[in-house]
């Protein structure tokens, strides 16, 4: 059984989180390769399972770093979500 890790922040303009369900994440690293900004890494969690996460240095900048992938269309799916076969990754915006 896993947990959902929320990586990001809230500011006056909204919530900017990438959430990763550790129960679904298989640690494959596809998100690492798909992200053009290099936001992801695969590392051991608190239970020593290898799971994806956002690198600490990027957590406070997700709104800006993910914007090029998000574009202006609400229907556009980000590359990290597209390649995640177990559907472990979601975004709050």
Protein backbone atom coordinates (compact mmCIF):
# COMPACT_ATOMS: atom_id res chain seq x y z
CA UNK A 1 0.00 0.00 0.00
CA UNK A 2 1.38 3.39 -0.95
CA UNK A 3 0.84 7.01 -0.19
CA UNK A 4 0.49 10.09 -2.37
CA UNK A 5 3.43 12.49 -2.15
CA UNK A 6 2.62 16.08 -3.08
CA UNK A 7 5.59 18.06 -4.41
CA UNK A 8 5.15 21.79 -4.93
CA UNK A 9 3.63 24.84 -3.30
CA UNK A 10 0.62 27.13 -2.91
CA UNK A 11 0.79 30.85 -3.52
CA UNK A 12 -1.68 33.69 -4.11
CA UNK A 13 -2.37 32.52 -7.65
CA UNK A 14 -3.11 28.87 -6.89
CA UNK A 15 -1.89 25.40 -6.01
CA UNK A 16 1.06 24.04 -7.98
CA UNK A 17 1.68 20.42 -7.08
CA UNK A 18 2.82 17.32 -8.85
CA UNK A 19 1.46 14.35 -6.96
CA UNK A 20 2.96 10.88 -7.20
CA UNK A 21 1.12 7.83 -5.91
CA UNK A 22 3.83 5.56 -4.48
CA UNK A 23 1.44 2.61 -4.57
CA UNK A 24 1.23 2.94 -8.35
CA UNK A 25 4.76 4.17 -9.14
CA UNK A 26 7.02 1.31 -10.21
CA UNK A 27 10.22 3.39 -10.28
CA UNK A 28 10.72 2.87 -14.02
CA UNK A 29 12.18 6.36 -14.57
CA UNK A 30 10.20 7.14 -17.73
CA UNK A 31 9.15 10.48 -16.21
CA UNK A 32 12.81 11.35 -15.61
CA UNK A 33 13.56 10.90 -19.31
CA UNK A 34 10.34 12.59 -20.50
CA UNK A 35 10.69 15.82 -18.49
CA UNK A 36 12.51 18.44 -20.57
CA UNK A 37 13.38 20.43 -17.44
CA UNK A 38 14.85 17.49 -15.52
CA UNK A 39 12.50 17.90 -12.55
CA UNK A 40 12.16 14.22 -11.68
CA UNK A 41 14.44 11.70 -10.05
CA UNK A 42 13.92 8.13 -8.87
CA UNK A 43 15.02 7.58 -5.30
CA UNK A 44 14.16 5.44 -2.28
CA UNK A 45 11.16 6.56 -0.27
CA UNK A 46 10.67 6.15 3.49
CA UNK A 47 10.01 2.43 2.93
CA UNK A 48 13.09 1.91 0.71
CA UNK A 49 10.93 1.49 -2.40
CA UNK A 50 12.32 3.20 -5.51
CA UNK A 51 9.79 5.84 -6.60
CA UNK A 52 9.72 9.01 -8.66
CA UNK A 53 9.84 12.37 -6.96
CA UNK A 54 10.53 16.01 -7.76
CA UNK A 55 14.05 17.18 -6.98
CA UNK A 56 14.05 19.49 -3.95
CA UNK A 57 15.59 22.43 -5.82
CA UNK A 58 12.62 22.57 -8.21
CA UNK A 59 9.66 22.26 -5.84
CA UNK A 60 9.16 26.03 -5.39
CA UNK A 61 9.27 26.72 -9.15
CA UNK A 62 6.86 24.17 -10.64
CA UNK A 63 4.43 26.83 -11.85
CA UNK A 64 7.13 28.27 -14.09
CA UNK A 65 9.09 25.14 -14.96
CA UNK A 66 6.04 23.12 -16.05
CA UNK A 67 4.45 26.01 -17.96
CA UNK A 68 6.14 25.26 -21.33
CA UNK A 69 4.80 21.69 -21.29
CA UNK A 70 1.38 22.77 -20.08
CA UNK A 71 1.03 25.45 -22.73
CA UNK A 72 -2.25 27.29 -22.92
CA UNK A 73 -4.55 24.35 -23.60
CA UNK A 74 -6.35 22.75 -20.67
CA UNK A 75 -6.61 19.55 -22.70
CA UNK A 76 -2.87 19.15 -23.20
CA UNK A 77 -1.31 16.31 -21.23
CA UNK A 78 2.15 16.87 -19.82
CA UNK A 79 4.92 14.50 -20.98
CA UNK A 80 5.47 13.10 -17.48
CA UNK A 81 1.81 12.08 -17.27
CA UNK A 82 1.77 10.71 -20.81
CA UNK A 83 4.70 8.31 -20.26
CA UNK A 84 3.62 7.13 -16.81
CA UNK A 85 2.14 3.73 -17.60
CA UNK A 86 0.81 3.03 -14.08
CA UNK A 87 -0.80 6.52 -14.02
CA UNK A 88 0.97 7.45 -10.79
CA UNK A 89 1.53 11.14 -11.66
CA UNK A 90 -1.05 13.94 -11.51
CA UNK A 91 -0.85 17.74 -11.51
CA UNK A 92 -3.01 20.14 -9.51
CA UNK A 93 -3.32 22.76 -12.25
